Every structure is written in C-alpha cells, then in structure tokens.
C-alpha cells in the first residue's frame, strides 16, 4: 500500500468518526507517512502517533521531518513540536519551513524580535504565524499604519499581541485603535509617554 493510500485511509477513518488509529497499525505504516521514530524522537511510540492522528488527522499532510528540524533549530523539544502538530497542524498544513523562516526573518527586521523571543513566545504559543506569508504580514502592518499608528506603535502592538500576526481580521481594527489610544492615554497621564 502506498504512503498516499495509507494517509488517505487514515484521514478517511478519522473524518468518518471511526478512530484513525485503526488505519495505522504498524511501524511500517508510520514510516510510509513520515512518522518514523527516527523522524520524530526515539521516545515516540506508535500509540502517541495514533492519538495524534485521531485528534488531528491533518498532521498527516505535514512534512514531519522538516518541521521537527525547524523546531529543534530553535531549541524546542518534543513537547512544543507535538503541541504544534496537535493544535496547529491544520494551519501549518499549507506552509513549509521556508515560509516559516521568511516570516521569522520579516519579524526580526520589524523588531524587537530575537531568536530567543521567537523560540519562547512565538513558536510555542502561535505556531500558525509560521504559515503566514511575508506579504500577509506586511498587509497587517500597512493596515495598522493606515489607522494613523506610528511604526513604533505597530511594533509594540505586534509585540504585545503576536496572535494578530496569524489571525487578523478587518473588524479588529477599531478595537486595536482603541487599545492603542487607551495605552497612549494611560502613559501620557502617568508621565511615561511622550509624543
């Protein structure tokens, strides 16, 4: 049975409320899907992968070895990787590590993001940002500066609310503007902010 056929069977099983684990029984089937123990971690067992596939069948579409290497490059271990696979695999499915790298380079240029910030704040909490193209990220910045926000305010807003980078909707703009104005008023009244 080909890898595509096994993946299709597993996804079909998961999508028809039949436990996906019934479609994956052997280490050989895992290897065909890219989920070999060597691809993941030596302590990952068949049952862990079965639970993952049952909970998030879209994880089968990811290039697991590439994403594992990407996470390890930032010093993140098994727990962060499995969390991203389980909760964000649907959002990561359309992306690759090159898109993720471009998004991180874009953020670092925007500032004040460092590799440590990316590893501590972005990847574990908002891995879906990694699937966002630099064009989409720039559109967000353009929308915020279009509100009259200074570049520094935009940087601060994205630093405080990095989830906006992945899940931004136009209807959020008025709320964001009020938050920025409220923040400005708070600091100007306290003597900590100057325009």
Protein backbone atom coordinates (compact mmCIF):
# COMPACT_ATOMS: atom_id res chain seq x y z
CA UNK A 1 0.00 0.00 0.00
CA UNK A 2 1.45 3.39 -0.97
CA UNK A 3 2.03 6.21 1.52
CA UNK A 4 -0.69 8.26 -0.15
CA UNK A 5 -3.16 5.37 0.16
CA UNK A 6 -2.33 4.86 3.85
CA UNK A 7 -2.65 8.60 4.51
CA UNK A 8 -5.97 8.75 2.65
CA UNK A 9 -7.26 5.77 4.63
CA UNK A 10 -6.20 7.33 7.92
CA UNK A 11 -7.78 10.68 7.09
CA UNK A 12 -10.96 8.98 5.86
CA UNK A 13 -11.12 6.92 9.03
CA UNK A 14 -10.67 9.99 11.21
CA UNK A 15 -13.19 12.02 9.27
CA UNK A 16 -15.92 9.40 9.46
CA UNK A 17 -15.70 9.19 13.25
CA UNK A 18 -14.00 5.79 13.07
CA UNK A 19 -10.86 6.05 15.17
CA UNK A 20 -7.95 6.88 12.89
CA UNK A 21 -5.75 4.59 14.92
CA UNK A 22 -7.49 1.66 13.26
CA UNK A 23 -5.94 2.74 9.95
CA UNK A 24 -2.41 2.77 11.40
CA UNK A 25 -1.23 -0.44 12.97
CA UNK A 26 2.44 -0.88 12.24
CA UNK A 27 5.74 0.92 12.34
CA UNK A 28 5.99 0.35 8.56
CA UNK A 29 2.77 2.33 8.01
CA UNK A 30 4.14 5.13 10.20
CA UNK A 31 7.34 5.22 8.18
CA UNK A 32 5.31 5.45 4.97
CA UNK A 33 3.63 8.54 6.43
CA UNK A 34 6.88 10.14 7.54
CA UNK A 35 6.22 9.44 11.22
CA UNK A 36 9.08 7.06 11.91
CA UNK A 37 10.62 7.07 15.34
CA UNK A 38 13.82 8.38 13.76
CA UNK A 39 11.85 11.22 12.16
CA UNK A 40 10.28 12.12 15.47
CA UNK A 41 12.06 11.23 18.69
CA UNK A 42 13.27 7.87 19.94
CA UNK A 43 10.71 8.01 22.78
CA UNK A 44 7.74 8.45 20.43
CA UNK A 45 5.74 5.29 20.19
CA UNK A 46 3.03 4.03 17.88
CA UNK A 47 0.32 4.89 20.43
CA UNK A 48 1.46 8.56 20.58
CA UNK A 49 1.17 8.86 16.82
CA UNK A 50 -2.17 7.05 16.79
CA UNK A 51 -3.53 9.54 19.35
CA UNK A 52 -2.16 12.44 17.33
CA UNK A 53 -3.74 11.20 14.10
CA UNK A 54 -7.06 10.58 15.88
CA UNK A 55 -7.06 14.12 17.28
CA UNK A 56 -5.56 15.95 14.28
CA UNK A 57 -5.67 13.94 11.04
CA UNK A 58 -4.36 16.94 9.09
CA UNK A 59 -0.98 16.26 10.73
CA UNK A 60 -0.60 13.52 8.12
CA UNK A 61 -0.15 16.18 5.43
CA UNK A 62 2.86 17.83 7.08
CA UNK A 63 6.49 17.14 6.19
CA UNK A 64 7.17 15.99 9.74
CA UNK A 65 10.94 15.63 9.48
CA UNK A 66 11.32 19.18 8.10
CA UNK A 67 9.19 20.71 10.87
CA UNK A 68 10.99 18.69 13.53
CA UNK A 69 14.33 20.02 12.30
CA UNK A 70 12.95 23.55 12.26
CA UNK A 71 11.72 23.29 15.86
CA UNK A 72 14.97 21.72 17.01
CA UNK A 73 16.90 24.55 15.33
CA UNK A 74 15.21 26.92 17.76
CA UNK A 75 16.00 24.65 20.69
CA UNK A 76 12.43 23.44 21.10
CA UNK A 77 11.84 19.88 22.10
CA UNK A 78 9.29 17.16 21.69
CA UNK A 79 6.56 18.82 23.75
CA UNK A 80 6.49 22.03 21.69
CA UNK A 81 6.63 20.06 18.47
CA UNK A 82 3.78 17.75 19.47
CA UNK A 83 1.72 20.71 20.67
CA UNK A 84 2.12 22.39 17.28
CA UNK A 85 1.24 19.16 15.46
CA UNK A 86 -1.83 18.59 17.59
CA UNK A 87 -3.27 22.09 17.79
CA UNK A 88 -1.94 23.88 14.70
CA UNK A 89 -1.34 21.21 12.09
CA UNK A 90 -4.33 22.43 10.09
CA UNK A 91 -2.81 25.90 9.96
CA UNK A 92 0.69 24.62 9.25
CA UNK A 93 -0.50 22.23 6.52
CA UNK A 94 -0.31 24.87 3.80
CA UNK A 95 3.13 26.10 4.80
CA UNK A 96 6.66 24.84 4.74
CA UNK A 97 9.79 25.62 6.71
CA UNK A 98 10.86 28.17 4.09
CA UNK A 99 7.66 30.19 4.63
CA UNK A 100 8.26 29.90 8.36
CA UNK A 101 11.84 31.10 8.02
CA UNK A 102 10.78 34.04 5.86
CA UNK A 103 8.13 35.02 8.44
CA UNK A 104 10.73 34.95 11.21
CA UNK A 105 13.23 37.00 9.21
CA UNK A 106 10.46 39.52 8.50
CA UNK A 107 9.59 39.73 12.22
CA UNK A 108 13.22 40.22 13.19
CA UNK A 109 13.51 43.09 10.71
CA UNK A 110 10.35 44.60 12.17
CA UNK A 111 11.83 44.35 15.66
CA UNK A 112 12.25 43.77 18.56
CA UNK A 113 12.06 40.01 17.92
CA UNK A 114 15.17 37.93 18.55
CA UNK A 115 15.75 34.20 18.12
CA UNK A 116 15.08 33.74 21.84
CA UNK A 117 11.78 35.63 21.54
CA UNK A 118 10.76 33.51 18.57
CA UNK A 119 11.60 30.33 20.48
CA UNK A 120 9.97 31.44 23.75
CA UNK A 121 6.93 33.46 22.66
CA UNK A 122 6.05 32.80 19.05
CA UNK A 123 6.60 29.15 18.11
CA UNK A 124 5.15 27.52 21.26
CA UNK A 125 2.14 29.85 21.52
CA UNK A 126 1.43 30.93 17.94
CA UNK A 127 2.97 28.39 15.55
CA UNK A 128 0.35 29.34 12.95
CA UNK A 129 2.25 32.61 12.42
CA UNK A 130 4.89 30.46 10.74
CA UNK A 131 2.40 29.70 7.96
CA UNK A 132 1.77 33.39 7.27
CA UNK A 133 3.43 34.83 4.18
CA UNK A 134 5.52 37.96 4.41
CA UNK A 135 3.01 39.65 2.11
CA UNK A 136 0.20 38.97 4.60
CA UNK A 137 2.35 40.20 7.46
CA UNK A 138 3.17 43.40 5.59
CA UNK A 139 -0.53 43.93 4.79
CA UNK A 140 -1.24 43.84 8.52
CA UNK A 141 1.42 46.46 9.23
CA UNK A 142 0.09 48.60 6.38
CA UNK A 143 -3.46 48.33 7.78
CA UNK A 144 -2.30 49.40 11.22
CA UNK A 145 -0.22 52.31 9.95
CA UNK A 146 -3.24 53.25 7.82
CA UNK A 147 -5.06 53.89 11.10
CA UNK A 148 -2.55 56.59 11.84
CA UNK A 149 -0.48 54.43 14.14
CA UNK A 150 3.20 55.25 14.20
CA UNK A 151 5.58 52.49 13.13
CA UNK A 152 6.78 52.17 16.73
CA UNK A 153 3.20 51.70 17.93
CA UNK A 154 2.65 48.97 15.35
CA UNK A 155 5.81 47.21 16.52
CA UNK A 156 4.70 47.45 20.15
CA UNK A 157 1.20 46.21 19.34
CA UNK A 158 2.51 43.17 17.47
CA UNK A 159 4.99 42.51 20.25
CA UNK A 160 2.25 42.55 22.88
CA UNK A 161 -0.32 40.68 20.76
CA UNK A 162 1.60 38.37 18.40
CA UNK A 163 -1.55 36.36 17.73
CA UNK A 164 -2.68 39.22 15.48
CA UNK A 165 0.02 38.14 13.05
CA UNK A 166 -1.85 34.94 12.25
CA UNK A 167 -5.47 35.76 12.95
CA UNK A 168 -6.12 39.33 11.94
CA UNK A 169 -9.49 40.46 10.65
CA UNK A 170 -10.53 43.91 9.48
CA UNK A 171 -13.24 44.10 12.15
CA UNK A 172 -10.48 44.06 14.77
CA UNK A 173 -9.09 47.41 13.61
CA UNK A 174 -11.40 49.64 15.70
CA UNK A 175 -10.65 47.62 18.83
CA UNK A 176 -6.92 47.77 18.15
CA UNK A 177 -7.12 51.52 17.63
CA UNK A 178 -8.96 51.97 20.95
CA UNK A 179 -6.38 49.80 22.72
CA UNK A 180 -3.54 51.87 21.32
CA UNK A 181 -5.28 55.14 22.24
CA UNK A 182 -6.05 53.81 25.72
CA UNK A 183 -2.45 52.79 26.13
CA UNK A 184 -1.27 56.20 24.97
CA UNK A 185 -3.65 57.96 27.39
CA UNK A 186 -2.56 55.72 30.26
CA UNK A 187 1.10 56.51 29.74
CA UNK A 188 0.63 60.20 28.96
CA UNK A 189 -1.37 60.68 32.17
CA UNK A 190 1.22 58.80 34.17
CA UNK A 191 4.04 60.83 32.67
CA UNK A 192 5.69 57.85 30.96
CA UNK A 193 4.77 58.56 27.38
CA UNK A 194 5.73 61.40 25.11
CA UNK A 195 4.70 62.01 21.53
